[in-house]
Amino acid sequence: GKIGGAAQKRLANGGVLHHATLSYDIDGQMMTEVLRIGREKLSDKGTTSAAKRVDPLRSQTGLERAEIIERFKDTFRSLTSAEEGGITPDEYADAQALVESKFSTDAWLHRVP
């Protein structure tokens, strides 16, 4: 079953917006009621129901969410030599300033790329 999805959008300025999601637990029936999933998309995948395509991490592993997160972090660290870090008060302040000056504005919130 599908545990997540990803999408990309190439922007006019040459940038690429990439996003991905992983599902820990989901109500497949509710998902089909909320999302509009076209018949073409389902038929391309050879599936009759979007809910049947979804099989989140919880049902596949039986692990609690915190344990899955730790395993992802451990795997990432082992593959990249990354180290645990933190966010400084100055970084939080800079982020808050961006929220106030850009990301909470109507121009940003109602922008359609």
PDB file of N, CA and C in Angstrom:
ATOM      1  N   GLY A   1       0.814  -1.186   0.000  1.00  0.00           N
ATOM      2  CA  GLY A   1       0.000   0.000   0.000  1.00  0.00           C
ATOM      3  C   GLY A   1       0.851   1.240   0.000  1.00  0.00           C
ATOM      4  N   LYS A   2       0.235   2.327  -0.317  1.00  0.00           N
ATOM      5  CA  LYS A   2       0.916   3.610  -0.413  1.00  0.00           C
ATOM      6  C   LYS A   2       1.052   4.226   0.979  1.00  0.00           C
ATOM      7  N   ILE A   3       2.265   4.643   1.344  1.00  0.00           N
ATOM      8  CA  ILE A   3       2.473   5.281   2.641  1.00  0.00           C
ATOM      9  C   ILE A   3       2.650   6.784   2.509  1.00  0.00           C
ATOM     10  N   GLY A   4       2.820   7.287   1.303  1.00  0.00           N
ATOM     11  CA  GLY A   4       3.035   8.713   1.131  1.00  0.00           C
ATOM     12  C   GLY A   4       2.982   9.107  -0.318  1.00  0.00           C
ATOM     13  N   GLY A   5       3.324  10.355  -0.555  1.00  0.00           N
ATOM     14  CA  GLY A   5       3.329  10.866  -1.911  1.00  0.00           C
ATOM     15  C   GLY A   5       4.231  12.073  -2.001  1.00  0.00           C
ATOM     16  N   ALA A   6       4.536  12.454  -3.216  1.00  0.00           N
ATOM     17  CA  ALA A   6       5.403  13.606  -3.441  1.00  0.00           C
ATOM     18  C   ALA A   6       4.938  14.331  -4.697  1.00  0.00           C
ATOM     19  N   ALA A   7       5.275  15.615  -4.774  1.00  0.00           N
ATOM     20  CA  ALA A   7       4.931  16.409  -5.934  1.00  0.00           C
ATOM     21  C   ALA A   7       5.994  17.477  -6.137  1.00  0.00           C
ATOM     22  N   GLN A   8       6.133  17.907  -7.379  1.00  0.00           N
ATOM     23  CA  GLN A   8       7.058  18.983  -7.704  1.00  0.00           C
ATOM     24  C   GLN A   8       6.348  20.014  -8.560  1.00  0.00           C
ATOM     25  N   LYS A   9       6.808  21.249  -8.421  1.00  0.00           N
ATOM     26  CA  LYS A   9       6.322  22.350  -9.246  1.00  0.00           C
ATOM     27  C   LYS A   9       7.536  23.161  -9.651  1.00  0.00           C
ATOM     28  N   ARG A  10       7.719  23.319 -10.954  1.00  0.00           N
ATOM     29  CA  ARG A  10       8.806  24.170 -11.442  1.00  0.00           C
ATOM     30  C   ARG A  10       8.287  25.600 -11.496  1.00  0.00           C
ATOM     31  N   LEU A  11       9.002  26.508 -10.855  1.00  0.00           N
ATOM     32  CA  LEU A  11       8.582  27.893 -10.753  1.00  0.00           C
ATOM     33  C   LEU A  11       9.181  28.723 -11.887  1.00  0.00           C
ATOM     34  N   ALA A  12       8.528  29.821 -12.208  1.00  0.00           N
ATOM     35  CA  ALA A  12       8.970  30.686 -13.307  1.00  0.00           C
ATOM     36  C   ALA A  12      10.378  31.232 -13.085  1.00  0.00           C
ATOM     37  N   ASN A  13      10.777  31.396 -11.829  1.00  0.00           N
ATOM     38  CA  ASN A  13      12.107  31.945 -11.543  1.00  0.00           C
ATOM     39  C   ASN A  13      13.211  30.893 -11.607  1.00  0.00           C
ATOM     40  N   GLY A  14      12.852  29.660 -12.030  1.00  0.00           N
ATOM     41  CA  GLY A  14      13.845  28.602 -12.148  1.00  0.00           C
ATOM     42  C   GLY A  14      13.928  27.689 -10.944  1.00  0.00           C
ATOM     43  N   GLY A  15      13.261  28.064  -9.872  1.00  0.00           N
ATOM     44  CA  GLY A  15      13.272  27.228  -8.674  1.00  0.00           C
ATOM     45  C   GLY A  15      12.347  26.027  -8.820  1.00  0.00           C
ATOM     46  N   VAL A  16      12.538  25.095  -7.925  1.00  0.00           N
ATOM     47  CA  VAL A  16      11.681  23.912  -7.886  1.00  0.00           C
ATOM     48  C   VAL A  16      11.131  23.780  -6.473  1.00  0.00           C
ATOM     49  N   LEU A  17       9.819  23.662  -6.378  1.00  0.00           N
ATOM     50  CA  LEU A  17       9.174  23.419  -5.098  1.00  0.00           C
ATOM     51  C   LEU A  17       8.884  21.924  -5.035  1.00  0.00           C
ATOM     52  N   HIS A  18       9.412  21.253  -4.031  1.00  0.00           N
ATOM     53  CA  HIS A  18       9.196  19.815  -3.872  1.00  0.00           C
ATOM     54  C   HIS A  18       8.597  19.570  -2.504  1.00  0.00           C
ATOM     55  N   HIS A  19       7.557  18.767  -2.452  1.00  0.00           N
ATOM     56  CA  HIS A  19       6.997  18.440  -1.159  1.00  0.00           C
ATOM     57  C   HIS A  19       6.667  16.960  -1.131  1.00  0.00           C
ATOM     58  N   ALA A  20       6.753  16.405   0.050  1.00  0.00           N
ATOM     59  CA  ALA A  20       6.445  14.985   0.222  1.00  0.00           C
ATOM     60  C   ALA A  20       5.690  14.802   1.530  1.00  0.00           C
ATOM     61  N   THR A  21       4.882  13.768   1.578  1.00  0.00           N
ATOM     62  CA  THR A  21       4.164  13.436   2.797  1.00  0.00           C
ATOM     63  C   THR A  21       4.314  11.949   3.073  1.00  0.00           C
ATOM     64  N   LEU A  22       4.330  11.614   4.332  1.00  0.00           N
ATOM     65  CA  LEU A  22       4.285  10.229   4.776  1.00  0.00           C
ATOM     66  C   LEU A  22       3.080  10.113   5.691  1.00  0.00           C
ATOM     67  N   SER A  23       2.350   9.050   5.538  1.00  0.00           N
ATOM     68  CA  SER A  23       1.162   8.861   6.354  1.00  0.00           C
ATOM     69  C   SER A  23       1.458   7.895   7.491  1.00  0.00           C
ATOM     70  N   TYR A  24       1.266   8.362   8.721  1.00  0.00           N
ATOM     71  CA  TYR A  24       1.403   7.473   9.867  1.00  0.00           C
ATOM     72  C   TYR A  24       0.105   6.705  10.085  1.00  0.00           C
ATOM     73  N   ASP A  25      -1.003   7.417  10.087  1.00  0.00           N
ATOM     74  CA  ASP A  25      -2.309   6.793  10.292  1.00  0.00           C
ATOM     75  C   ASP A  25      -3.328   7.648   9.557  1.00  0.00           C
ATOM     76  N   ILE A  26      -4.260   7.010   8.888  1.00  0.00           N
ATOM     77  CA  ILE A  26      -5.218   7.770   8.097  1.00  0.00           C
ATOM     78  C   ILE A  26      -6.528   7.003   7.988  1.00  0.00           C
ATOM     79  N   ASP A  27      -7.583   7.757   7.938  1.00  0.00           N
ATOM     80  CA  ASP A  27      -8.900   7.185   7.680  1.00  0.00           C
ATOM     81  C   ASP A  27      -9.104   7.252   6.168  1.00  0.00           C
ATOM     82  N   GLY A  28      -8.884   6.137   5.482  1.00  0.00           N
ATOM     83  CA  GLY A  28      -8.962   6.098   4.028  1.00  0.00           C
ATOM     84  C   GLY A  28     -10.305   6.539   3.493  1.00  0.00           C
ATOM     85  N   GLN A  29     -11.368   6.168   4.164  1.00  0.00           N
ATOM     86  CA  GLN A  29     -12.702   6.568   3.714  1.00  0.00           C
ATOM     87  C   GLN A  29     -12.878   8.076   3.815  1.00  0.00           C
ATOM     88  N   MET A  30     -12.447   8.662   4.931  1.00  0.00           N
ATOM     89  CA  MET A  30     -12.542  10.116   5.096  1.00  0.00           C
ATOM     90  C   MET A  30     -11.694  10.821   4.042  1.00  0.00           C
ATOM     91  N   MET A  31     -10.508  10.262   3.752  1.00  0.00           N
ATOM     92  CA  MET A  31      -9.639  10.856   2.751  1.00  0.00           C
ATOM     93  C   MET A  31     -10.360  10.957   1.407  1.00  0.00           C
ATOM     94  N   THR A  32     -11.072   9.903   1.014  1.00  0.00           N
ATOM     95  CA  THR A  32     -11.759   9.928  -0.271  1.00  0.00           C
ATOM     96  C   THR A  32     -12.926  10.915  -0.278  1.00  0.00           C
ATOM     97  N   GLU A  33     -13.474  11.210   0.892  1.00  0.00           N
ATOM     98  CA  GLU A  33     -14.560  12.188   0.967  1.00  0.00           C
ATOM     99  C   GLU A  33     -14.037  13.622   0.899  1.00  0.00           C
ATOM    100  N   VAL A  34     -12.803  13.842   1.379  1.00  0.00           N
ATOM    101  CA  VAL A  34     -12.229  15.177   1.433  1.00  0.00           C
ATOM    102  C   VAL A  34     -11.518  15.539   0.128  1.00  0.00           C
ATOM    103  N   LEU A  35     -10.772  14.597  -0.420  1.00  0.00           N
ATOM    104  CA  LEU A  35     -10.004  14.856  -1.637  1.00  0.00           C
ATOM    105  C   LEU A  35     -10.827  14.528  -2.872  1.00  0.00           C
ATOM    106  N   ARG A  36     -10.565  15.261  -3.924  1.00  0.00           N
ATOM    107  CA  ARG A  36     -11.191  14.940  -5.206  1.00  0.00           C
ATOM    108  C   ARG A  36     -10.166  14.165  -6.026  1.00  0.00           C
ATOM    109  N   ILE A  37     -10.354  12.891  -6.115  1.00  0.00           N
ATOM    110  CA  ILE A  37      -9.415  12.038  -6.842  1.00  0.00           C
ATOM    111  C   ILE A  37     -10.113  11.558  -8.105  1.00  0.00           C
ATOM    112  N   GLY A  38      -9.580  11.975  -9.250  1.00  0.00           N
ATOM    113  CA  GLY A  38     -10.206  11.638 -10.515  1.00  0.00           C
ATOM    114  C   GLY A  38     -10.124  10.161 -10.845  1.00  0.00           C
ATOM    115  N   ARG A  39     -11.108   9.705 -11.600  1.00  0.00           N
ATOM    116  CA  ARG A  39     -11.132   8.300 -12.016  1.00  0.00           C
ATOM    117  C   ARG A  39      -9.898   7.937 -12.840  1.00  0.00           C
ATOM    118  N   GLU A  40      -9.406   8.910 -13.623  1.00  0.00           N
ATOM    119  CA  GLU A  40      -8.224   8.642 -14.451  1.00  0.00           C
ATOM    120  C   GLU A  40      -7.028   8.284 -13.580  1.00  0.00           C
ATOM    121  N   LYS A  41      -6.860   9.006 -12.492  1.00  0.00           N
ATOM    122  CA  LYS A  41      -5.726   8.742 -11.598  1.00  0.00           C
ATOM    123  C   LYS A  41      -5.827   7.346 -11.013  1.00  0.00           C
ATOM    124  N   LEU A  42      -7.012   6.950 -10.605  1.00  0.00           N
ATOM    125  CA  LEU A  42      -7.186   5.620 -10.038  1.00  0.00           C
ATOM    126  C   LEU A  42      -6.962   4.548 -11.102  1.00  0.00           C
ATOM    127  N   SER A  43      -7.517   4.758 -12.284  1.00  0.00           N
ATOM    128  CA  SER A  43      -7.374   3.732 -13.322  1.00  0.00           C
ATOM    129  C   SER A  43      -5.929   3.604 -13.778  1.00  0.00           C
ATOM    130  N   ASP A  44      -5.176   4.718 -13.764  1.00  0.00           N
ATOM    131  CA  ASP A  44      -3.748   4.655 -14.105  1.00  0.00           C
ATOM    132  C   ASP A  44      -2.993   3.736 -13.162  1.00  0.00           C
ATOM    133  N   LYS A  45      -3.455   3.654 -11.930  1.00  0.00           N
ATOM    134  CA  LYS A  45      -2.787   2.833 -10.914  1.00  0.00           C
ATOM    135  C   LYS A  45      -3.389   1.433 -10.832  1.00  0.00           C
ATOM    136  N   GLY A  46      -4.421   1.160 -11.630  1.00  0.00           N
ATOM    137  CA  GLY A  46      -5.055  -0.153 -11.598  1.00  0.00           C
ATOM    138  C   GLY A  46      -5.829  -0.394 -10.314  1.00  0.00           C
ATOM    139  N   THR A  47      -6.383   0.678  -9.741  1.00  0.00           N
ATOM    140  CA  THR A  47      -7.092   0.598  -8.467  1.00  0.00           C
ATOM    141  C   THR A  47      -8.512   1.104  -8.639  1.00  0.00           C
ATOM    142  N   THR A  48      -9.444   0.510  -7.942  1.00  0.00           N
ATOM    143  CA  THR A  48     -10.832   0.968  -8.006  1.00  0.00           C
ATOM    144  C   THR A  48     -11.160   1.935  -6.886  1.00  0.00           C
ATOM    145  N   SER A  49     -10.338   1.990  -5.826  1.00  0.00           N
ATOM    146  CA  SER A  49     -10.636   2.847  -4.685  1.00  0.00           C
ATOM    147  C   SER A  49      -9.351   3.470  -4.149  1.00  0.00           C
ATOM    148  N   ALA A  50      -9.379   4.800  -3.948  1.00  0.00           N
ATOM    149  CA  ALA A  50      -8.220   5.475  -3.362  1.00  0.00           C
ATOM    150  C   ALA A  50      -7.964   4.982  -1.950  1.00  0.00           C
ATOM    151  N   ALA A  51      -9.033   4.696  -1.209  1.00  0.00           N
ATOM    152  CA  ALA A  51      -8.888   4.231   0.177  1.00  0.00           C
ATOM    153  C   ALA A  51      -8.123   2.909   0.225  1.00  0.00           C
ATOM    154  N   LYS A  52      -8.296   2.066  -0.758  1.00  0.00           N
ATOM    155  CA  LYS A  52      -7.604   0.778  -0.773  1.00  0.00           C
ATOM    156  C   LYS A  52      -6.133   0.913  -1.132  1.00  0.00           C
ATOM    157  N   ARG A  53      -5.768   2.022  -1.764  1.00  0.00           N
ATOM    158  CA  ARG A  53      -4.365   2.255  -2.115  1.00  0.00           C
ATOM    159  C   ARG A  53      -3.537   2.661  -0.909  1.00  0.00           C
ATOM    160  N   VAL A  54      -4.171   3.200   0.113  1.00  0.00           N
ATOM    161  CA  VAL A  54      -3.466   3.766   1.259  1.00  0.00           C
ATOM    162  C   VAL A  54      -3.272   2.702   2.337  1.00  0.00           C
ATOM    163  N   ASP A  55      -2.031   2.546   2.758  1.00  0.00           N
ATOM    164  CA  ASP A  55      -1.708   1.625   3.847  1.00  0.00           C
ATOM    165  C   ASP A  55      -0.607   2.282   4.669  1.00  0.00           C
ATOM    166  N   PRO A  56      -0.971   3.126   5.630  1.00  0.00           N
ATOM    167  CA  PRO A  56       0.000   3.956   6.327  1.00  0.00           C
ATOM    168  C   PRO A  56       0.984   3.177   7.195  1.00  0.00           C
ATOM    169  N   LEU A  57       2.010   3.889   7.636  1.00  0.00           N
ATOM    170  CA  LEU A  57       3.102   3.288   8.400  1.00  0.00           C
ATOM    171  C   LEU A  57       2.636   2.559   9.650  1.00  0.00           C
ATOM    172  N   ARG A  58       1.642   3.096  10.326  1.00  0.00           N
ATOM    173  CA  ARG A  58       1.173   2.451  11.556  1.00  0.00           C
ATOM    174  C   ARG A  58       0.708   1.025  11.286  1.00  0.00           C
ATOM    175  N   SER A  59      -0.097   0.845  10.256  1.00  0.00           N
ATOM    176  CA  SER A  59      -0.607  -0.503   9.979  1.00  0.00           C
ATOM    177  C   SER A  59       0.473  -1.412   9.409  1.00  0.00           C
ATOM    178  N   GLN A  60       1.455  -0.850   8.724  1.00  0.00           N
ATOM    179  CA  GLN A  60       2.513  -1.674   8.152  1.00  0.00           C
ATOM    180  C   GLN A  60       3.551  -2.103   9.171  1.00  0.00           C
ATOM    181  N   THR A  61       3.784  -1.253  10.184  1.00  0.00           N
ATOM    182  CA  THR A  61       4.859  -1.549  11.138  1.00  0.00           C
ATOM    183  C   THR A  61       4.371  -1.951  12.518  1.00  0.00           C
ATOM    184  N   GLY A  62       3.198  -1.482  12.905  1.00  0.00           N
ATOM    185  CA  GLY A  62       2.714  -1.713  14.265  1.00  0.00           C
ATOM    186  C   GLY A  62       3.433  -0.864  15.297  1.00  0.00           C
ATOM    187  N   LEU A  63       4.272   0.071  14.841  1.00  0.00           N
ATOM    188  CA  LEU A  63       5.053   0.907  15.754  1.00  0.00           C
ATOM    189  C   LEU A  63       4.318   2.195  16.088  1.00  0.00           C
ATOM    190  N   GLU A  64       4.625   2.728  17.265  1.00  0.00           N
ATOM    191  CA  GLU A  64       4.114   4.035  17.651  1.00  0.00           C
ATOM    192  C   GLU A  64       4.798   5.097  16.801  1.00  0.00           C
ATOM    193  N   ARG A  65       4.123   6.234  16.650  1.00  0.00           N
ATOM    194  CA  ARG A  65       4.628   7.329  15.818  1.00  0.00           C
ATOM    195  C   ARG A  65       6.027   7.777  16.260  1.00  0.00           C
ATOM    196  N   ALA A  66       6.234   7.940  17.560  1.00  0.00           N
ATOM    197  CA  ALA A  66       7.536   8.394  18.068  1.00  0.00           C
ATOM    198  C   ALA A  66       8.651   7.423  17.689  1.00  0.00           C
ATOM    199  N   GLU A  67       8.374   6.129  17.705  1.00  0.00           N
ATOM    200  CA  GLU A  67       9.381   5.127  17.345  1.00  0.00           C
ATOM    201  C   GLU A  67       9.713   5.208  15.861  1.00  0.00           C
ATOM    202  N   ILE A  68       8.721   5.413  15.030  1.00  0.00           N
ATOM    203  CA  ILE A  68       8.984   5.554  13.593  1.00  0.00           C
ATOM    204  C   ILE A  68       9.845   6.781  13.328  1.00  0.00           C
ATOM    205  N   ILE A  69       9.525   7.886  13.995  1.00  0.00           N
ATOM    206  CA  ILE A  69      10.319   9.108  13.835  1.00  0.00           C
ATOM    207  C   ILE A  69      11.765   8.857  14.243  1.00  0.00           C
ATOM    208  N   GLU A  70      11.980   8.197  15.376  1.00  0.00           N
ATOM    209  CA  GLU A  70      13.345   7.905  15.827  1.00  0.00           C
ATOM    210  C   GLU A  70      14.079   7.034  14.817  1.00  0.00           C
ATOM    211  N   ARG A  71      13.415   6.065  14.267  1.00  0.00           N
ATOM    212  CA  ARG A  71      14.057   5.189  13.278  1.00  0.00           C
ATOM    213  C   ARG A  71      14.420   5.954  12.009  1.00  0.00           C
ATOM    214  N   PHE A  72      13.545   6.862  11.575  1.00  0.00           N
ATOM    215  CA  PHE A  72      13.881   7.712  10.427  1.00  0.00           C
ATOM    216  C   PHE A  72      15.111   8.555  10.736  1.00  0.00           C
ATOM    217  N   LYS A  73      15.135   9.170  11.916  1.00  0.00           N
ATOM    218  CA  LYS A  73      16.268  10.001  12.292  1.00  0.00           C
ATOM    219  C   LYS A  73      17.552   9.180  12.384  1.00  0.00           C
ATOM    220  N   ASP A  74      17.483   8.007  13.000  1.00  0.00           N
ATOM    221  CA  ASP A  74      18.664   7.143  13.107  1.00  0.00           C
ATOM    222  C   ASP A  74      19.182   6.745  11.730  1.00  0.00           C
ATOM    223  N   THR A  75      18.275   6.393  10.843  1.00  0.00           N
ATOM    224  CA  THR A  75      18.677   6.003   9.490  1.00  0.00           C
ATOM    225  C   THR A  75      19.307   7.178   8.762  1.00  0.00           C
ATOM    226  N   PHE A  76      18.691   8.355   8.857  1.00  0.00           N
ATOM    227  CA  PHE A  76      19.234   9.541   8.198  1.00  0.00           C
ATOM    228  C   PHE A  76      20.631   9.856   8.725  1.00  0.00           C
ATOM    229  N   ARG A  77      20.788   9.801  10.053  1.00  0.00           N
ATOM    230  CA  ARG A  77      22.107  10.077  10.642  1.00  0.00           C
ATOM    231  C   ARG A  77      23.143   9.065  10.161  1.00  0.00           C
ATOM    232  N   SER A  78      22.768   7.790  10.085  1.00  0.00           N
ATOM    233  CA  SER A  78      23.737   6.764   9.677  1.00  0.00           C
ATOM    234  C   SER A  78      24.126   6.905   8.209  1.00  0.00           C
ATOM    235  N   LEU A  79      23.243   7.407   7.393  1.00  0.00           N
ATOM    236  CA  LEU A  79      23.534   7.561   5.969  1.00  0.00           C
ATOM    237  C   LEU A  79      24.264   8.854   5.638  1.00  0.00           C
ATOM    238  N   THR A  80      24.118   9.873   6.492  1.00  0.00           N
ATOM    239  CA  THR A  80      24.650  11.194   6.151  1.00  0.00           C
ATOM    240  C   THR A  80      25.660  11.754   7.144  1.00  0.00           C
ATOM    241  N   SER A  81      25.873  11.101   8.248  1.00  0.00           N
ATOM    242  CA  SER A  81      26.731  11.624   9.323  1.00  0.00           C
ATOM    243  C   SER A  81      26.170  12.916   9.909  1.00  0.00           C
ATOM    244  N   ALA A  82      24.867  13.140   9.785  1.00  0.00           N
ATOM    245  CA  ALA A  82      24.233  14.325  10.357  1.00  0.00           C
ATOM    246  C   ALA A  82      24.250  14.241  11.882  1.00  0.00           C
ATOM    247  N   GLU A  83      24.204  15.395  12.512  1.00  0.00           N
ATOM    248  CA  GLU A  83      24.156  15.475  13.962  1.00  0.00           C
ATOM    249  C   GLU A  83      22.913  16.253  14.389  1.00  0.00           C
ATOM    250  N   GLU A  84      22.386  15.914  15.555  1.00  0.00           N
ATOM    251  CA  GLU A  84      21.228  16.613  16.106  1.00  0.00           C
ATOM    252  C   GLU A  84      21.591  18.076  16.322  1.00  0.00           C
ATOM    253  N   GLY A  85      20.681  18.968  16.002  1.00  0.00           N
ATOM    254  CA  GLY A  85      20.932  20.389  16.160  1.00  0.00           C
ATOM    255  C   GLY A  85      19.794  21.070  16.889  1.00  0.00           C
ATOM    256  N   GLY A  86      19.811  22.359  16.868  1.00  0.00           N
ATOM    257  CA  GLY A  86      18.769  23.127  17.517  1.00  0.00           C
ATOM    258  C   GLY A  86      18.579  24.456  16.815  1.00  0.00           C
ATOM    259  N   ILE A  87      17.556  25.181  17.218  1.00  0.00           N
ATOM    260  CA  ILE A  87      17.270  26.485  16.648  1.00  0.00           C
ATOM    261  C   ILE A  87      17.530  27.527  17.727  1.00  0.00           C
ATOM    262  N   THR A  88      18.323  28.517  17.383  1.00  0.00           N
ATOM    263  CA  THR A  88      18.688  29.553  18.348  1.00  0.00           C
ATOM    264  C   THR A  88      17.556  30.571  18.490  1.00  0.00           C
ATOM    265  N   PRO A  89      17.540  31.324  19.590  1.00  0.00           N
ATOM    266  CA  PRO A  89      16.542  32.384  19.743  1.00  0.00           C
ATOM    267  C   PRO A  89      16.585  33.406  18.599  1.00  0.00           C
ATOM    268  N   ASP A  90      17.788  33.727  18.109  1.00  0.00           N
ATOM    269  CA  ASP A  90      17.903  34.663  16.986  1.00  0.00           C
ATOM    270  C   ASP A  90      17.261  34.085  15.717  1.00  0.00           C
ATOM    271  N   GLU A  91      17.432  32.787  15.492  1.00  0.00           N
ATOM    272  CA  GLU A  91      16.806  32.147  14.322  1.00  0.00           C
ATOM    273  C   GLU A  91      15.286  32.157  14.439  1.00  0.00           C
ATOM    274  N   TYR A  92      14.768  31.908  15.645  1.00  0.00           N
ATOM    275  CA  TYR A  92      13.326  32.009  15.863  1.00  0.00           C
ATOM    276  C   TYR A  92      12.827  33.431  15.586  1.00  0.00           C
ATOM    277  N   ALA A  93      13.566  34.417  16.046  1.00  0.00           N
ATOM    278  CA  ALA A  93      13.181  35.814  15.839  1.00  0.00           C
ATOM    279  C   ALA A  93      13.181  36.160  14.350  1.00  0.00           C
ATOM    280  N   ASP A  94      14.194  35.699  13.631  1.00  0.00           N
ATOM    281  CA  ASP A  94      14.250  35.943  12.184  1.00  0.00           C
ATOM    282  C   ASP A  94      13.061  35.289  11.478  1.00  0.00           C
ATOM    283  N   ALA A  95      12.719  34.076  11.892  1.00  0.00           N
ATOM    284  CA  ALA A  95      11.574  33.375  11.299  1.00  0.00           C
ATOM    285  C   ALA A  95      10.280  34.128  11.587  1.00  0.00           C
ATOM    286  N   GLN A  96      10.115  34.605  12.807  1.00  0.00           N
ATOM    287  CA  GLN A  96       8.907  35.352  13.168  1.00  0.00           C
ATOM    288  C   GLN A  96       8.810  36.638  12.361  1.00  0.00           C
ATOM    289  N   ALA A  97       9.934  37.289  12.140  1.00  0.00           N
ATOM    290  CA  ALA A  97       9.928  38.513  11.332  1.00  0.00           C
ATOM    291  C   ALA A  97       9.482  38.213   9.899  1.00  0.00           C
ATOM    292  N   LEU A  98       9.905  37.078   9.357  1.00  0.00           N
ATOM    293  CA  LEU A  98       9.458  36.678   8.011  1.00  0.00           C
ATOM    294  C   LEU A  98       7.968  36.368   7.977  1.00  0.00           C
ATOM    295  N   VAL A  99       7.465  35.755   9.032  1.00  0.00           N
ATOM    296  CA  VAL A  99       6.024  35.494   9.105  1.00  0.00           C
ATOM    297  C   VAL A  99       5.277  36.817   9.031  1.00  0.00           C
ATOM    298  N   GLU A 100       5.701  37.771   9.851  1.00  0.00           N
ATOM    299  CA  GLU A 100       4.989  39.044   9.919  1.00  0.00           C
ATOM    300  C   GLU A 100       5.126  39.867   8.645  1.00  0.00           C
ATOM    301  N   SER A 101       6.311  39.842   8.023  1.00  0.00           N
ATOM    302  CA  SER A 101       6.531  40.702   6.852  1.00  0.00           C
ATOM    303  C   SER A 101       6.132  40.055   5.534  1.00  0.00           C
ATOM    304  N   LYS A 102       6.040  38.728   5.486  1.00  0.00           N
ATOM    305  CA  LYS A 102       5.783  38.069   4.211  1.00  0.00           C
ATOM    306  C   LYS A 102       4.732  36.968   4.286  1.00  0.00           C
ATOM    307  N   PHE A 103       4.972  35.948   5.105  1.00  0.00           N
ATOM    308  CA  PHE A 103       4.190  34.719   5.030  1.00  0.00           C
ATOM    309  C   PHE A 103       2.786  34.796   5.619  1.00  0.00           C
ATOM    310  N   SER A 104       2.452  35.857   6.346  1.00  0.00           N
ATOM    311  CA  SER A 104       1.085  35.994   6.847  1.00  0.00           C
ATOM    312  C   SER A 104       0.314  37.075   6.097  1.00  0.00           C
ATOM    313  N   THR A 105       0.903  37.613   5.041  1.00  0.00           N
ATOM    314  CA  THR A 105       0.226  38.652   4.273  1.00  0.00           C
ATOM    315  C   THR A 105      -0.800  38.048   3.318  1.00  0.00           C
ATOM    316  N   ASP A 106      -1.813  38.836   2.974  1.00  0.00           N
ATOM    317  CA  ASP A 106      -2.810  38.373   2.012  1.00  0.00           C
ATOM    318  C   ASP A 106      -2.157  38.033   0.673  1.00  0.00           C
ATOM    319  N   ALA A 107      -1.181  38.821   0.272  1.00  0.00           N
ATOM    320  CA  ALA A 107      -0.519  38.581  -1.019  1.00  0.00           C
ATOM    321  C   ALA A 107       0.121  37.193  -1.041  1.00  0.00           C
ATOM    322  N   TRP A 108       0.706  36.779   0.062  1.00  0.00           N
ATOM    323  CA  TRP A 108       1.327  35.449   0.111  1.00  0.00           C
ATOM    324  C   TRP A 108       0.280  34.350   0.277  1.00  0.00           C
ATOM    325  N   LEU A 109      -0.643  34.552   1.193  1.00  0.00           N
ATOM    326  CA  LEU A 109      -1.613  33.503   1.506  1.00  0.00           C
ATOM    327  C   LEU A 109      -2.574  33.212   0.366  1.00  0.00           C
ATOM    328  N   HIS A 110      -2.837  34.191  -0.477  1.00  0.00           N
ATOM    329  CA  HIS A 110      -3.796  33.990  -1.564  1.00  0.00           C
ATOM    330  C   HIS A 110      -3.113  33.930  -2.933  1.00  0.00           C
ATOM    331  N   ARG A 111      -1.814  33.737  -2.926  1.00  0.00           N
ATOM    332  CA  ARG A 111      -1.034  33.622  -4.161  1.00  0.00           C
ATOM    333  C   ARG A 111      -1.316  32.245  -4.767  1.00  0.00           C
ATOM    334  N   VAL A 112      -1.573  32.236  -6.045  1.00  0.00           N
ATOM    335  CA  VAL A 112      -1.775  30.968  -6.749  1.00  0.00           C
ATOM    336  C   VAL A 112      -0.687  30.869  -7.804  1.00  0.00           C
ATOM    337  N   PRO A 113       0.258  29.962  -7.620  1.00  0.00           N
ATOM    338  CA  PRO A 113       1.358  29.870  -8.605  1.00  0.00           C
ATOM    339  C   PRO A 113       0.870  29.334  -9.938  1.00  0.00           C
TER     340      PRO A 113
END
